[in-house]
C-alpha atoms as a PDB file:
ATOM      1  CA  UNK A   1      -0.022 -28.954  40.092  1.00  0.00           C
ATOM      2  CA  UNK A   2      -3.826 -30.275  41.327  1.00  0.00           C
ATOM      3  CA  UNK A   3      -3.176 -33.491  43.230  1.00  0.00           C
ATOM      4  CA  UNK A   4      -6.652 -35.624  42.260  1.00  0.00           C
ATOM      5  CA  UNK A   5      -5.505 -38.901  43.710  1.00  0.00           C
ATOM      6  CA  UNK A   6      -7.815 -38.645  46.831  1.00  0.00           C
ATOM      7  CA  UNK A   7     -10.920 -37.741  44.862  1.00  0.00           C
ATOM      8  CA  UNK A   8     -10.299 -40.518  42.670  1.00  0.00           C
ATOM      9  CA  UNK A   9     -10.585 -43.049  45.515  1.00  0.00           C
ATOM     10  CA  UNK A  10     -14.222 -41.932  46.269  1.00  0.00           C
ATOM     11  CA  UNK A  11     -15.984 -43.988  43.478  1.00  0.00           C
ATOM     12  CA  UNK A  12     -16.430 -43.947  39.848  1.00  0.00           C
ATOM     13  CA  UNK A  13     -19.232 -41.563  39.672  1.00  0.00           C
ATOM     14  CA  UNK A  14     -16.975 -39.179  40.798  1.00  0.00           C
ATOM     15  CA  UNK A  15     -14.170 -40.350  38.601  1.00  0.00           C
ATOM     16  CA  UNK A  16     -16.411 -39.733  35.697  1.00  0.00           C
ATOM     17  CA  UNK A  17     -16.978 -36.118  36.788  1.00  0.00           C
ATOM     18  CA  UNK A  18     -13.211 -35.715  37.318  1.00  0.00           C
ATOM     19  CA  UNK A  19     -12.725 -37.109  33.843  1.00  0.00           C
ATOM     20  CA  UNK A  20     -15.083 -34.545  32.269  1.00  0.00           C
ATOM     21  CA  UNK A  21     -13.596 -31.877  34.160  1.00  0.00           C
ATOM     22  CA  UNK A  22     -10.234 -32.595  32.759  1.00  0.00           C
ATOM     23  CA  UNK A  23     -11.403 -32.948  29.201  1.00  0.00           C
ATOM     24  CA  UNK A  24     -12.986 -29.703  29.813  1.00  0.00           C
ATOM     25  CA  UNK A  25     -10.013 -27.887  31.106  1.00  0.00           C
ATOM     26  CA  UNK A  26      -7.833 -29.390  28.076  1.00  0.00           C
ATOM     27  CA  UNK A  27     -10.371 -27.811  25.546  1.00  0.00           C
ATOM     28  CA  UNK A  28     -10.466 -24.465  27.053  1.00  0.00           C
ATOM     29  CA  UNK A  29      -6.555 -24.343  26.938  1.00  0.00           C
ATOM     30  CA  UNK A  30      -6.745 -25.473  23.502  1.00  0.00           C
ATOM     31  CA  UNK A  31      -5.966 -23.057  20.624  1.00  0.00           C
ATOM     32  CA  UNK A  32      -9.413 -22.675  18.685  1.00  0.00           C
ATOM     33  CA  UNK A  33      -9.951 -24.811  15.553  1.00  0.00           C
ATOM     34  CA  UNK A  34      -9.569 -22.488  12.461  1.00  0.00           C
ATOM     35  CA  UNK A  35     -12.532 -22.105  10.257  1.00  0.00           C
ATOM     36  CA  UNK A  36     -11.883 -21.802   6.540  1.00  0.00           C
ATOM     37  CA  UNK A  37     -13.479 -18.529   6.540  1.00  0.00           C
ATOM     38  CA  UNK A  38     -11.079 -16.974   8.923  1.00  0.00           C
ATOM     39  CA  UNK A  39      -8.457 -17.104   6.342  1.00  0.00           C
ATOM     40  CA  UNK A  40     -10.472 -14.750   4.208  1.00  0.00           C
ATOM     41  CA  UNK A  41     -11.557 -15.021   0.855  1.00  0.00           C
ATOM     42  CA  UNK A  42      -9.122 -13.510  -2.083  1.00  0.00           C
ATOM     43  CA  UNK A  43     -11.159 -11.157  -4.345  1.00  0.00           C
ATOM     44  CA  UNK A  44      -8.158 -10.101  -6.335  1.00  0.00           C
ATOM     45  CA  UNK A  45      -4.643 -11.088  -7.165  1.00  0.00           C
ATOM     46  CA  UNK A  46      -2.026 -10.513  -9.814  1.00  0.00           C
ATOM     47  CA  UNK A  47       1.685 -11.887  -9.665  1.00  0.00           C
ATOM     48  CA  UNK A  48       2.407 -10.287 -13.136  1.00  0.00           C
ATOM     49  CA  UNK A  49       3.645 -13.780 -14.493  1.00  0.00           C
ATOM     50  CA  UNK A  50       2.433 -13.024 -17.905  1.00  0.00           C
ATOM     51  CA  UNK A  51       4.563 -11.487 -20.503  1.00  0.00           C
ATOM     52  CA  UNK A  52       2.639  -8.121 -20.578  1.00  0.00           C
ATOM     53  CA  UNK A  53       0.236  -6.297 -17.975  1.00  0.00           C
ATOM     54  CA  UNK A  54      -3.198  -8.147 -17.548  1.00  0.00           C
ATOM     55  CA  UNK A  55      -5.382  -5.090 -19.327  1.00  0.00           C
ATOM     56  CA  UNK A  56      -8.671  -7.042 -18.037  1.00  0.00           C
ATOM     57  CA  UNK A  57      -7.341  -6.002 -14.287  1.00  0.00           C
ATOM     58  CA  UNK A  58      -5.531  -2.629 -14.876  1.00  0.00           C
ATOM     59  CA  UNK A  59      -5.879   0.324 -16.969  1.00  0.00           C
ATOM     60  CA  UNK A  60      -2.666   2.122 -18.017  1.00  0.00           C
ATOM     61  CA  UNK A  61      -3.063   6.098 -17.509  1.00  0.00           C
ATOM     62  CA  UNK A  62      -2.223   8.472 -19.891  1.00  0.00           C
ATOM     63  CA  UNK A  63      -1.707  12.008 -18.461  1.00  0.00           C
ATOM     64  CA  UNK A  64      -4.464  14.471 -18.633  1.00  0.00           C
ATOM     65  CA  UNK A  65      -4.758  16.466 -15.673  1.00  0.00           C
ATOM     66  CA  UNK A  66      -1.775  17.137 -13.382  1.00  0.00           C
ATOM     67  CA  UNK A  67      -1.051  17.107  -9.778  1.00  0.00           C
ATOM     68  CA  UNK A  68       1.230  18.036  -7.047  1.00  0.00           C
ATOM     69  CA  UNK A  69       3.511  20.034  -9.298  1.00  0.00           C
ATOM     70  CA  UNK A  70       4.919  16.742 -10.132  1.00  0.00           C
ATOM     71  CA  UNK A  71       7.540  16.512 -12.963  1.00  0.00           C
ATOM     72  CA  UNK A  72       6.439  13.747 -14.846  1.00  0.00           C
ATOM     73  CA  UNK A  73       3.930  12.942 -17.781  1.00  0.00           C
ATOM     74  CA  UNK A  74       2.643   9.270 -17.606  1.00  0.00           C
ATOM     75  CA  UNK A  75       2.239   7.391 -20.802  1.00  0.00           C
ATOM     76  CA  UNK A  76       1.325   4.149 -22.156  1.00  0.00           C
ATOM     77  CA  UNK A  77       4.704   2.717 -23.106  1.00  0.00           C
ATOM     78  CA  UNK A  78       6.740  -0.501 -22.790  1.00  0.00           C
ATOM     79  CA  UNK A  79       9.716   2.246 -21.874  1.00  0.00           C
ATOM     80  CA  UNK A  80       8.211   2.853 -18.710  1.00  0.00           C
ATOM     81  CA  UNK A  81       6.166  -0.098 -17.451  1.00  0.00           C
ATOM     82  CA  UNK A  82       6.944  -3.808 -18.296  1.00  0.00           C
ATOM     83  CA  UNK A  83       6.999  -6.997 -16.872  1.00  0.00           C
ATOM     84  CA  UNK A  84      10.501  -8.894 -16.369  1.00  0.00           C
ATOM     85  CA  UNK A  85      11.390 -12.301 -14.429  1.00  0.00           C
ATOM     86  CA  UNK A  86       7.835 -12.059 -13.051  1.00  0.00           C
ATOM     87  CA  UNK A  87       7.632  -8.563 -11.780  1.00  0.00           C
ATOM     88  CA  UNK A  88       5.938  -5.419 -12.950  1.00  0.00           C
ATOM     89  CA  UNK A  89       8.694  -2.864 -13.204  1.00  0.00           C
ATOM     90  CA  UNK A  90       8.143   0.748 -13.326  1.00  0.00           C
ATOM     91  CA  UNK A  91      10.728   3.007 -15.034  1.00  0.00           C
ATOM     92  CA  UNK A  92      10.707   6.871 -15.071  1.00  0.00           C
ATOM     93  CA  UNK A  93      12.591   7.971 -18.030  1.00  0.00           C
ATOM     94  CA  UNK A  94      14.401  11.478 -18.828  1.00  0.00           C
ATOM     95  CA  UNK A  95      12.567  12.556 -22.265  1.00  0.00           C
ATOM     96  CA  UNK A  96      12.902  16.391 -22.334  1.00  0.00           C
ATOM     97  CA  UNK A  97      10.438  18.780 -23.817  1.00  0.00           C
ATOM     98  CA  UNK A  98       7.860  15.760 -24.105  1.00  0.00           C
ATOM     99  CA  UNK A  99       4.653  17.394 -25.145  1.00  0.00           C
ATOM    100  CA  UNK A 100       1.389  15.935 -23.537  1.00  0.00           C
ATOM    101  CA  UNK A 101      -2.217  15.735 -25.460  1.00  0.00           C
ATOM    102  CA  UNK A 102      -3.232  19.100 -23.755  1.00  0.00           C
ATOM    103  CA  UNK A 103      -0.363  20.675 -24.801  1.00  0.00           C
ATOM    104  CA  UNK A 104       1.985  20.653 -21.785  1.00  0.00           C
ATOM    105  CA  UNK A 105       5.651  19.955 -21.908  1.00  0.00           C
ATOM    106  CA  UNK A 106       7.691  17.777 -19.348  1.00  0.00           C
ATOM    107  CA  UNK A 107      10.930  16.716 -18.989  1.00  0.00           C
ATOM    108  CA  UNK A 108       9.946  13.038 -17.672  1.00  0.00           C
ATOM    109  CA  UNK A 109       7.851  10.295 -18.562  1.00  0.00           C
ATOM    110  CA  UNK A 110       6.730   7.660 -16.109  1.00  0.00           C
ATOM    111  CA  UNK A 111       3.954   4.888 -15.475  1.00  0.00           C
ATOM    112  CA  UNK A 112       0.701   4.840 -13.314  1.00  0.00           C
ATOM    113  CA  UNK A 113      -2.041   1.983 -13.471  1.00  0.00           C
ATOM    114  CA  UNK A 114      -5.143   1.474 -11.683  1.00  0.00           C
ATOM    115  CA  UNK A 115      -8.043  -0.710 -11.339  1.00  0.00           C
ATOM    116  CA  UNK A 116     -11.106   1.693 -12.464  1.00  0.00           C
ATOM    117  CA  UNK A 117     -14.373  -0.017 -13.652  1.00  0.00           C
ATOM    118  CA  UNK A 118     -12.067  -3.521 -13.456  1.00  0.00           C
ATOM    119  CA  UNK A 119     -12.163  -3.876  -9.600  1.00  0.00           C
ATOM    120  CA  UNK A 120     -13.151  -2.064  -6.812  1.00  0.00           C
ATOM    121  CA  UNK A 121     -14.178  -3.267  -3.045  1.00  0.00           C
ATOM    122  CA  UNK A 122     -15.357  -2.164   0.284  1.00  0.00           C
ATOM    123  CA  UNK A 123     -13.609  -3.405   3.126  1.00  0.00           C
ATOM    124  CA  UNK A 124     -10.725  -5.841   3.457  1.00  0.00           C
ATOM    125  CA  UNK A 125      -7.202  -5.941   3.509  1.00  0.00           C
ATOM    126  CA  UNK A 126      -5.333  -4.742   0.505  1.00  0.00           C
ATOM    127  CA  UNK A 127      -1.429  -5.659   0.194  1.00  0.00           C
ATOM    128  CA  UNK A 128       1.351  -5.587  -1.973  1.00  0.00           C
ATOM    129  CA  UNK A 129       5.008  -6.912  -2.074  1.00  0.00           C
ATOM    130  CA  UNK A 130       7.202  -4.070  -3.473  1.00  0.00           C
ATOM    131  CA  UNK A 131      10.999  -2.765  -3.695  1.00  0.00           C
ATOM    132  CA  UNK A 132      12.576   0.342  -5.209  1.00  0.00           C
ATOM    133  CA  UNK A 133      15.658   1.971  -6.105  1.00  0.00           C
ATOM    134  CA  UNK A 134      16.816   4.643  -3.764  1.00  0.00           C
ATOM    135  CA  UNK A 135      16.775   8.314  -5.068  1.00  0.00           C
ATOM    136  CA  UNK A 136      16.085  11.743  -3.341  1.00  0.00           C
ATOM    137  CA  UNK A 137      13.034  12.911  -5.100  1.00  0.00           C
ATOM    138  CA  UNK A 138      11.649   9.537  -6.785  1.00  0.00           C
ATOM    139  CA  UNK A 139       8.077   9.116  -5.495  1.00  0.00           C
ATOM    140  CA  UNK A 140       6.715   5.891  -5.782  1.00  0.00           C
ATOM    141  CA  UNK A 141       3.245   4.999  -4.162  1.00  0.00           C
ATOM    142  CA  UNK A 142       0.942   2.000  -3.641  1.00  0.00           C
ATOM    143  CA  UNK A 143      -2.355   3.526  -2.896  1.00  0.00           C
ATOM    144  CA  UNK A 144      -6.518   3.498  -3.100  1.00  0.00           C
ATOM    145  CA  UNK A 145      -9.022   5.939  -4.106  1.00  0.00           C
ATOM    146  CA  UNK A 146     -12.872   6.283  -4.269  1.00  0.00           C
ATOM    147  CA  UNK A 147     -14.612   7.350  -7.581  1.00  0.00           C
ATOM    148  CA  UNK A 148     -15.745  10.844  -7.263  1.00  0.00           C
ATOM    149  CA  UNK A 149     -14.404  14.160  -6.162  1.00  0.00           C
ATOM    150  CA  UNK A 150     -11.384  14.481  -4.124  1.00  0.00           C
ATOM    151  CA  UNK A 151     -11.258  14.161  -1.198  1.00  0.00           C
ATOM    152  CA  UNK A 152     -14.816  13.528  -0.424  1.00  0.00           C
ATOM    153  CA  UNK A 153     -14.578  10.202  -1.659  1.00  0.00           C
ATOM    154  CA  UNK A 154     -11.319   9.332   0.415  1.00  0.00           C
ATOM    155  CA  UNK A 155      -7.757   8.384  -0.220  1.00  0.00           C
ATOM    156  CA  UNK A 156      -5.809   5.521   1.568  1.00  0.00           C
ATOM    157  CA  UNK A 157      -1.690   6.030   0.887  1.00  0.00           C
ATOM    158  CA  UNK A 158      -0.618   2.340   1.785  1.00  0.00           C
ATOM    159  CA  UNK A 159       3.035   2.990   0.843  1.00  0.00           C
ATOM    160  CA  UNK A 160       4.832   6.483  -0.315  1.00  0.00           C
ATOM    161  CA  UNK A 161       8.499   6.637  -0.762  1.00  0.00           C
ATOM    162  CA  UNK A 162      10.356  10.218  -1.270  1.00  0.00           C
ATOM    163  CA  UNK A 163      13.813   9.482  -1.383  1.00  0.00           C
ATOM    164  CA  UNK A 164      15.130   8.520   2.593  1.00  0.00           C
ATOM    165  CA  UNK A 165      15.916   5.076   1.922  1.00  0.00           C
ATOM    166  CA  UNK A 166      15.211   4.644   5.653  1.00  0.00           C
ATOM    167  CA  UNK A 167      11.682   5.021   5.700  1.00  0.00           C
ATOM    168  CA  UNK A 168       8.453   4.876   3.856  1.00  0.00           C
ATOM    169  CA  UNK A 169       4.874   6.665   5.019  1.00  0.00           C
ATOM    170  CA  UNK A 170       1.368   5.847   5.120  1.00  0.00           C
ATOM    171  CA  UNK A 171      -1.303   8.719   5.007  1.00  0.00           C
ATOM    172  CA  UNK A 172      -4.949   9.121   5.101  1.00  0.00           C
ATOM    173  CA  UNK A 173      -7.170  12.037   2.892  1.00  0.00           C
ATOM    174  CA  UNK A 174     -10.461  12.980   3.170  1.00  0.00           C
ATOM    175  CA  UNK A 175     -12.768  16.151   3.785  1.00  0.00           C
ATOM    176  CA  UNK A 176     -11.329  18.689   6.157  1.00  0.00           C
ATOM    177  CA  UNK A 177      -8.098  16.154   6.638  1.00  0.00           C
ATOM    178  CA  UNK A 178      -6.402  16.271   3.001  1.00  0.00           C
ATOM    179  CA  UNK A 179      -3.833  17.744   1.320  1.00  0.00           C
ATOM    180  CA  UNK A 180      -0.858  18.502   4.184  1.00  0.00           C
ATOM    181  CA  UNK A 181      -3.160  15.809   6.209  1.00  0.00           C
ATOM    182  CA  UNK A 182      -2.827  15.582   9.921  1.00  0.00           C
ATOM    183  CA  UNK A 183      -3.103  11.593   9.437  1.00  0.00           C
ATOM    184  CA  UNK A 184       0.474  10.414   8.237  1.00  0.00           C
ATOM    185  CA  UNK A 185       3.174   8.472   9.687  1.00  0.00           C
ATOM    186  CA  UNK A 186       6.265   7.007   8.833  1.00  0.00           C
ATOM    187  CA  UNK A 187       7.580   3.702   9.243  1.00  0.00           C
ATOM    188  CA  UNK A 188      10.993   3.146  10.155  1.00  0.00           C
ATOM    189  CA  UNK A 189      13.064   0.145   8.867  1.00  0.00           C
ATOM    190  CA  UNK A 190      15.375  -1.951  11.345  1.00  0.00           C
ATOM    191  CA  UNK A 191      18.879  -1.660  11.155  1.00  0.00           C
ATOM    192  CA  UNK A 192      20.520  -2.985   7.971  1.00  0.00           C
ATOM    193  CA  UNK A 193      17.140  -3.015   6.545  1.00  0.00           C
ATOM    194  CA  UNK A 194      15.879  -0.228   3.664  1.00  0.00           C
ATOM    195  CA  UNK A 195      13.492   0.730   1.249  1.00  0.00           C
ATOM    196  CA  UNK A 196      15.580  -1.366  -1.363  1.00  0.00           C
ATOM    197  CA  UNK A 197      14.552  -4.547  -0.196  1.00  0.00           C
ATOM    198  CA  UNK A 198      11.367  -6.307  -0.555  1.00  0.00           C
ATOM    199  CA  UNK A 199       8.267  -5.703   1.842  1.00  0.00           C
ATOM    200  CA  UNK A 200       4.856  -6.116   2.145  1.00  0.00           C
ATOM    201  CA  UNK A 201       2.716  -3.345   2.262  1.00  0.00           C
ATOM    202  CA  UNK A 202      -1.108  -3.413   3.361  1.00  0.00           C
ATOM    203  CA  UNK A 203      -3.789  -2.002   5.015  1.00  0.00           C
ATOM    204  CA  UNK A 204      -6.699  -3.401   6.991  1.00  0.00           C
ATOM    205  CA  UNK A 205      -9.769  -1.667   6.334  1.00  0.00           C
ATOM    206  CA  UNK A 206     -12.814  -2.018   8.424  1.00  0.00           C
ATOM    207  CA  UNK A 207     -15.828   0.370   8.593  1.00  0.00           C
ATOM    208  CA  UNK A 208     -14.314   2.294  11.395  1.00  0.00           C
ATOM    209  CA  UNK A 209     -10.482   2.102  11.046  1.00  0.00           C
ATOM    210  CA  UNK A 210      -7.548   1.722   8.846  1.00  0.00           C
ATOM    211  CA  UNK A 211      -4.885  -0.132  10.107  1.00  0.00           C
ATOM    212  CA  UNK A 212      -1.346   0.218   8.150  1.00  0.00           C
ATOM    213  CA  UNK A 213       0.803  -2.854   8.258  1.00  0.00           C
ATOM    214  CA  UNK A 214       4.523  -3.423   6.965  1.00  0.00           C
ATOM    215  CA  UNK A 215       5.634  -6.632   6.413  1.00  0.00           C
ATOM    216  CA  UNK A 216       2.838  -7.743   8.830  1.00  0.00           C
ATOM    217  CA  UNK A 217       3.032  -5.449  11.468  1.00  0.00           C
ATOM    218  CA  UNK A 218       0.755  -2.860  12.261  1.00  0.00           C
ATOM    219  CA  UNK A 219       2.441   0.763  12.703  1.00  0.00           C
ATOM    220  CA  UNK A 220      -0.439   3.071  12.041  1.00  0.00           C
ATOM    221  CA  UNK A 221      -4.275   3.266  12.896  1.00  0.00           C
ATOM    222  CA  UNK A 222      -6.842   6.084  11.578  1.00  0.00           C
ATOM    223  CA  UNK A 223     -10.347   5.672  13.133  1.00  0.00           C
ATOM    224  CA  UNK A 224     -13.827   7.053  12.382  1.00  0.00           C
ATOM    225  CA  UNK A 225     -13.341   9.054  15.525  1.00  0.00           C
ATOM    226  CA  UNK A 226     -10.123  10.608  14.763  1.00  0.00           C
ATOM    227  CA  UNK A 227     -11.312  11.677  11.587  1.00  0.00           C
ATOM    228  CA  UNK A 228     -14.649  13.098  13.148  1.00  0.00           C
ATOM    229  CA  UNK A 229     -12.471  15.780  14.638  1.00  0.00           C
ATOM    230  CA  UNK A 230     -11.760  17.425  11.084  1.00  0.00           C
ATOM    231  CA  UNK A 231     -14.667  16.311   8.560  1.00  0.00           C
ATOM    232  CA  UNK A 232     -16.846  13.219   7.488  1.00  0.00           C
ATOM    233  CA  UNK A 233     -15.059   9.619   7.334  1.00  0.00           C
ATOM    234  CA  UNK A 234     -14.796   9.095   3.461  1.00  0.00           C
ATOM    235  CA  UNK A 235     -14.363   5.358   3.737  1.00  0.00           C
ATOM    236  CA  UNK A 236     -17.677   3.990   3.578  1.00  0.00           C
ATOM    237  CA  UNK A 237     -17.444   3.579  -0.080  1.00  0.00           C
ATOM    238  CA  UNK A 238     -15.459   1.277  -2.519  1.00  0.00           C
ATOM    239  CA  UNK A 239     -12.206   2.039  -3.518  1.00  0.00           C
ATOM    240  CA  UNK A 240      -9.952   1.025  -6.478  1.00  0.00           C
ATOM    241  CA  UNK A 241      -6.128   0.533  -6.769  1.00  0.00           C
ATOM    242  CA  UNK A 242      -3.216   2.519  -7.877  1.00  0.00           C
ATOM    243  CA  UNK A 243       0.552   1.748  -8.458  1.00  0.00           C
ATOM    244  CA  UNK A 244       2.780   4.596  -9.849  1.00  0.00           C
ATOM    245  CA  UNK A 245       6.088   6.213  -9.576  1.00  0.00           C
ATOM    246  CA  UNK A 246       6.117   9.992  -9.904  1.00  0.00           C
ATOM    247  CA  UNK A 247       9.270  12.486 -10.296  1.00  0.00           C
ATOM    248  CA  UNK A 248       9.750  15.424  -7.833  1.00  0.00           C
ATOM    249  CA  UNK A 249       6.719  17.674  -6.971  1.00  0.00           C
ATOM    250  CA  UNK A 250       5.060  18.870  -3.625  1.00  0.00           C
ATOM    251  CA  UNK A 251       5.589  16.033  -1.277  1.00  0.00           C
ATOM    252  CA  UNK A 252       9.506  15.533  -1.972  1.00  0.00           C
ATOM    253  CA  UNK A 253      10.092  18.898  -2.196  1.00  0.00           C
ATOM    254  CA  UNK A 254       8.352  19.537   0.962  1.00  0.00           C
ATOM    255  CA  UNK A 255      10.833  17.321   2.970  1.00  0.00           C
ATOM    256  CA  UNK A 256      14.052  17.605   1.016  1.00  0.00           C
ATOM    257  CA  UNK A 257      13.360  21.337   0.124  1.00  0.00           C
ATOM    258  CA  UNK A 258      15.180  20.984  -3.153  1.00  0.00           C
ATOM    259  CA  UNK A 259      14.339  23.628  -6.160  1.00  0.00           C
ATOM    260  CA  UNK A 260      17.006  23.503  -8.800  1.00  0.00           C
ATOM    261  CA  UNK A 261      17.616  22.393 -11.228  1.00  0.00           C
ATOM    262  CA  UNK A 262      13.947  20.155 -10.768  1.00  0.00           C
ATOM    263  CA  UNK A 263      11.467  20.786  -7.966  1.00  0.00           C
ATOM    264  CA  UNK A 264      11.932  18.160  -5.267  1.00  0.00           C
ATOM    265  CA  UNK A 265      14.309  16.106  -7.310  1.00  0.00           C
ATOM    266  CA  UNK A 266      18.175  15.626  -6.334  1.00  0.00           C
ATOM    267  CA  UNK A 267      20.894  15.626  -8.813  1.00  0.00           C
ATOM    268  CA  UNK A 268      21.561  11.717  -8.005  1.00  0.00           C
ATOM    269  CA  UNK A 269      18.261  10.890  -8.562  1.00  0.00           C
ATOM    270  CA  UNK A 270      18.252  12.644 -11.710  1.00  0.00           C
ATOM    271  CA  UNK A 271      21.592  10.958 -12.774  1.00  0.00           C
ATOM    272  CA  UNK A 272      19.735   7.629 -11.856  1.00  0.00           C
ATOM    273  CA  UNK A 273      16.702   8.648 -14.219  1.00  0.00           C
ATOM    274  CA  UNK A 274      19.062   9.530 -17.106  1.00  0.00           C
ATOM    275  CA  UNK A 275      21.201   6.005 -16.783  1.00  0.00           C
ATOM    276  CA  UNK A 276      17.556   4.403 -16.592  1.00  0.00           C
ATOM    277  CA  UNK A 277      18.331   2.996 -13.369  1.00  0.00           C
ATOM    278  CA  UNK A 278      15.451   4.335 -11.131  1.00  0.00           C
ATOM    279  CA  UNK A 279      12.717   1.468 -10.634  1.00  0.00           C
ATOM    280  CA  UNK A 280       9.691   0.242  -8.850  1.00  0.00           C
ATOM    281  CA  UNK A 281       9.308  -3.440  -8.927  1.00  0.00           C
ATOM    282  CA  UNK A 282       6.088  -5.113  -7.869  1.00  0.00           C
ATOM    283  CA  UNK A 283       5.955  -8.813  -7.035  1.00  0.00           C
ATOM    284  CA  UNK A 284       2.335  -9.158  -6.444  1.00  0.00           C
ATOM    285  CA  UNK A 285      -0.623  -7.627  -5.392  1.00  0.00           C
ATOM    286  CA  UNK A 286      -3.628  -9.069  -3.338  1.00  0.00           C
ATOM    287  CA  UNK A 287      -7.048  -7.948  -2.061  1.00  0.00           C
ATOM    288  CA  UNK A 288      -8.548 -10.371   0.509  1.00  0.00           C
ATOM    289  CA  UNK A 289     -12.100  -9.869   2.502  1.00  0.00           C
ATOM    290  CA  UNK A 290     -12.877 -11.588   5.394  1.00  0.00           C
END
């Protein structure tokens, strides 16, 4: 510690200067005062406390086009999407030979919602608190898309789970880096934790990067410069929100290698669907701009 006693004996002027110096040193060492804007502005929030889904915020998709060799048709039904105990619940259902409006046949129905035409944004933090039941080949997801042709308008997969309870993944898709994208990373939960517990899944989106954070911990970053090695940056446009639970399909099958009796779906997950035990629960969804 600096001994100031000899200097203080030299008179009031020096005493005043040293007092000012001490004040300045204290200010330098102090934490900066928080500005209200540093916390950001919440521009979208839903905590699903009402009895029914708020359709002023969300659309419920009904299957038209089909993707990724998934096994389900999306329907607008309280059998597959409902609110319970202040949570939004997605539940796939076993429904053999279910016919869609375009004449296709599926053995499963499920739910998918989005905010097209009701909410979109450019830059900020999108976060949701989610938990789900375990099952190899279940494919719940929390993600964002831009309106227009895919992948030119970009895709941000904030959270995907395909059946290993020890990890979830985040991914980025755009022109030249879509499909089996080079930009994907797994987050492994700590010992004693897994996908069936509540977690906060988020992405911080700026003009030059996407930073994925689980439970407040950044674990994966994709930058404009990284994407430039493959194609144009697809994240200078507005994105809308999506939540869904798919059944089987290309991503699960690529990892679990299951082909029968259903593509990418395990017998144990099939049993949980038949018993109507498979679930994804969403506590809240929030978008913040800074």
